[in-house]
Amino acid sequence: MVKKSSVFFAITAGVAAYAVTKKVLSSDQSEVKAKLQEFKEESAEAGVRYYNYARDFFNDEAVKPSFDGLKNKVVETASDLKNNEKINQAFSSLKSATADLRSELAAQKEAANAADEEETAEDEIIIDGRSAFGQAKAAADFEEDHPTETFFPHGE
């Protein structure tokens, strides 16, 4: 039901927006086309202007996207980091600290599980059929077999 009403609402809103747009743009259609054409021309001029700025900045060479230099720089930096002794020591220290932390957490988890098992053994409620319910039933049965007798004193 909710999906149907949501779809109906979306369709209704779309139709209403289309109708309003058609009504508004039908009278001003030529103005809208002129503004779009003007925006397109201004955008093209700005693109050419910024291209020229970039070309002047890069010493009148054609501006071409080049990833070779970036790739070489990344490879060099990665090899420097890989061969750096301090970074290797930091990684080995981090790995050993992580292993120690995992073992400590595992030990604490085992201790917590053992403590939980001990607590659950004490917290368990065991209801014996002969305990409270059995005693209440026995008392009711006794009452049926031996009704309460009321003794009145003899009047003088």
Protein backbone atom coordinates (compact mmCIF):
# COMPACT_ATOMS: atom_id res chain seq x y z
CA MET A 1 0.00 0.00 0.00
CA VAL A 2 2.81 2.38 0.89
CA LYS A 3 4.66 1.58 -2.33
CA LYS A 4 1.57 2.25 -4.42
CA SER A 5 0.91 5.57 -2.72
CA SER A 6 4.59 6.56 -3.09
CA VAL A 7 4.55 5.71 -6.80
CA PHE A 8 1.28 7.57 -7.23
CA PHE A 9 2.70 10.62 -5.43
CA ALA A 10 5.87 10.57 -7.55
CA ILE A 11 3.89 10.32 -10.79
CA THR A 12 1.54 13.10 -9.69
CA ALA A 13 4.46 15.37 -8.76
CA GLY A 14 6.18 14.65 -12.09
CA VAL A 15 3.05 15.41 -14.11
CA ALA A 16 2.47 18.62 -12.15
CA ALA A 17 6.08 19.73 -12.67
CA TYR A 18 5.84 18.95 -16.38
CA ALA A 19 2.60 20.91 -16.72
CA VAL A 20 3.98 23.94 -14.89
CA THR A 21 7.19 23.84 -16.91
CA LYS A 22 5.28 23.60 -20.19
CA LYS A 23 3.04 26.52 -19.24
CA VAL A 24 5.91 28.73 -18.06
CA LEU A 25 8.26 27.88 -20.90
CA SER A 26 5.71 28.12 -23.69
CA SER A 27 5.46 31.88 -23.31
CA ASP A 28 9.17 32.46 -22.65
CA GLN A 29 10.62 29.74 -24.89
CA SER A 30 12.53 32.10 -27.17
CA GLU A 31 14.06 33.92 -24.18
CA VAL A 32 15.13 30.64 -22.58
CA LYS A 33 16.76 29.48 -25.82
CA ALA A 34 18.61 32.79 -26.11
CA LYS A 35 19.87 32.58 -22.53
CA LEU A 36 21.04 28.98 -23.03
CA GLN A 37 22.89 29.96 -26.22
CA GLU A 38 24.52 32.90 -24.42
CA PHE A 39 25.58 30.65 -21.52
CA LYS A 40 27.04 28.13 -23.98
CA GLU A 41 29.08 30.83 -25.73
CA GLU A 42 30.37 32.28 -22.46
CA SER A 43 31.37 28.83 -21.24
CA ALA A 44 33.26 28.11 -24.45
CA GLU A 45 35.09 31.44 -24.19
CA ALA A 46 36.03 30.74 -20.56
CA GLY A 47 37.34 27.29 -21.51
CA VAL A 48 39.54 28.75 -24.26
CA ARG A 49 40.78 31.49 -21.92
CA TYR A 50 41.78 29.00 -19.20
CA TYR A 51 43.42 26.75 -21.80
CA ASN A 52 45.55 29.67 -22.88
CA TYR A 53 46.46 30.44 -19.25
CA ALA A 54 47.54 26.82 -18.76
CA ARG A 55 49.55 26.79 -21.99
CA ASP A 56 51.35 29.99 -20.98
CA PHE A 57 52.09 28.54 -17.56
CA PHE A 58 53.60 25.39 -19.04
CA ASN A 59 55.93 27.33 -21.39
CA ASP A 60 53.84 27.32 -24.54
CA GLU A 61 53.83 23.56 -24.83
CA ALA A 62 50.66 21.75 -25.63
CA VAL A 63 48.86 20.82 -22.46
CA LYS A 64 48.53 17.07 -22.46
CA PRO A 65 47.61 14.94 -19.52
CA SER A 66 50.63 12.85 -18.64
CA PHE A 67 50.64 10.23 -15.95
CA ASP A 68 54.10 8.82 -16.65
CA GLY A 69 55.85 11.30 -14.37
CA LEU A 70 53.30 10.76 -11.64
CA LYS A 71 53.61 6.98 -11.98
CA ASN A 72 57.41 7.13 -11.77
CA LYS A 73 57.23 9.37 -8.71
CA VAL A 74 54.84 6.98 -6.96
CA VAL A 75 57.04 3.98 -7.77
CA GLU A 76 60.16 5.76 -6.48
CA THR A 77 58.42 6.80 -3.27
CA ALA A 78 57.13 3.27 -2.71
CA SER A 79 60.58 1.76 -3.24
CA ASP A 80 62.14 4.33 -0.87
CA LEU A 81 59.56 3.48 1.79
CA LYS A 82 60.09 -0.24 1.25
CA ASN A 83 63.86 0.04 1.63
CA ASN A 84 63.75 2.43 4.59
CA GLU A 85 65.03 0.68 7.73
CA LYS A 86 63.11 2.87 10.21
CA ILE A 87 59.81 2.18 8.50
CA ASN A 88 60.54 -1.55 8.38
CA GLN A 89 61.30 -1.47 12.12
CA ALA A 90 58.06 0.42 12.76
CA PHE A 91 56.07 -2.16 10.78
CA SER A 92 57.72 -5.08 12.59
CA SER A 93 57.07 -3.37 15.94
CA LEU A 94 53.46 -2.79 14.93
CA LYS A 95 53.06 -6.43 13.92
CA SER A 96 54.51 -7.70 17.21
CA ALA A 97 52.35 -5.28 19.23
CA THR A 98 49.29 -6.43 17.29
CA ALA A 99 50.13 -10.08 17.98
CA ASP A 100 50.62 -9.33 21.71
CA LEU A 101 47.34 -7.46 21.83
CA ARG A 102 45.49 -10.31 20.12
CA SER A 103 46.89 -12.87 22.57
CA GLU A 104 46.01 -10.64 25.54
CA LEU A 105 42.48 -10.12 24.25
CA ALA A 106 42.07 -13.86 23.70
CA ALA A 107 43.23 -14.54 27.27
CA GLN A 108 40.83 -11.94 28.66
CA LYS A 109 38.00 -13.36 26.58
CA GLU A 110 38.69 -16.86 27.91
CA ALA A 111 38.79 -15.53 31.48
CA ALA A 112 35.52 -13.67 30.93
CA ASN A 113 33.89 -16.81 29.51
CA ALA A 114 35.06 -18.85 32.49
CA ALA A 115 33.72 -16.21 34.90
CA ASP A 116 30.41 -16.12 33.04
CA GLU A 117 30.08 -19.89 33.27
CA GLU A 118 30.66 -19.75 37.03
CA GLU A 119 28.12 -16.94 37.44
CA THR A 120 25.51 -18.67 35.32
CA ALA A 121 25.79 -21.79 37.46
CA GLU A 122 24.96 -19.70 40.54
CA ASP A 123 22.26 -17.64 38.84
CA GLU A 124 20.26 -20.56 37.50
CA ILE A 125 16.86 -21.06 39.07
CA ILE A 126 15.87 -24.68 39.34
CA ILE A 127 12.23 -25.35 40.07
CA ASP A 128 11.58 -28.78 41.49
CA GLY A 129 8.12 -30.19 40.85
CA ARG A 130 7.90 -31.19 44.50
CA SER A 131 9.01 -27.88 45.88
CA ALA A 132 6.68 -24.91 46.03
CA PHE A 133 4.12 -26.11 43.50
CA GLY A 134 4.11 -29.64 44.84
CA GLN A 135 3.59 -28.41 48.40
CA ALA A 136 0.75 -26.12 47.35
CA LYS A 137 -0.95 -28.99 45.53
CA ALA A 138 -0.48 -31.32 48.48
CA ALA A 139 -2.01 -28.72 50.82
CA ALA A 140 -4.99 -28.31 48.48
CA ASP A 141 -5.48 -32.07 48.29
CA PHE A 142 -5.30 -32.35 52.07
CA GLU A 143 -7.89 -29.60 52.40
CA GLU A 144 -10.26 -31.49 50.10
CA ASP A 145 -9.86 -34.67 52.12
CA HIS A 146 -10.05 -32.90 55.49
CA PRO A 147 -12.38 -29.94 55.32
CA THR A 148 -12.01 -27.25 57.91
CA GLU A 149 -14.28 -27.81 60.85
CA THR A 150 -15.60 -24.92 62.83
CA PHE A 151 -16.41 -25.47 66.45
CA PHE A 152 -18.87 -23.23 68.20
CA PRO A 153 -19.02 -23.04 71.94
CA HIS A 154 -22.18 -24.32 73.45
CA GLY A 155 -24.30 -21.52 74.63
CA GLU A 156 -25.37 -21.28 78.26
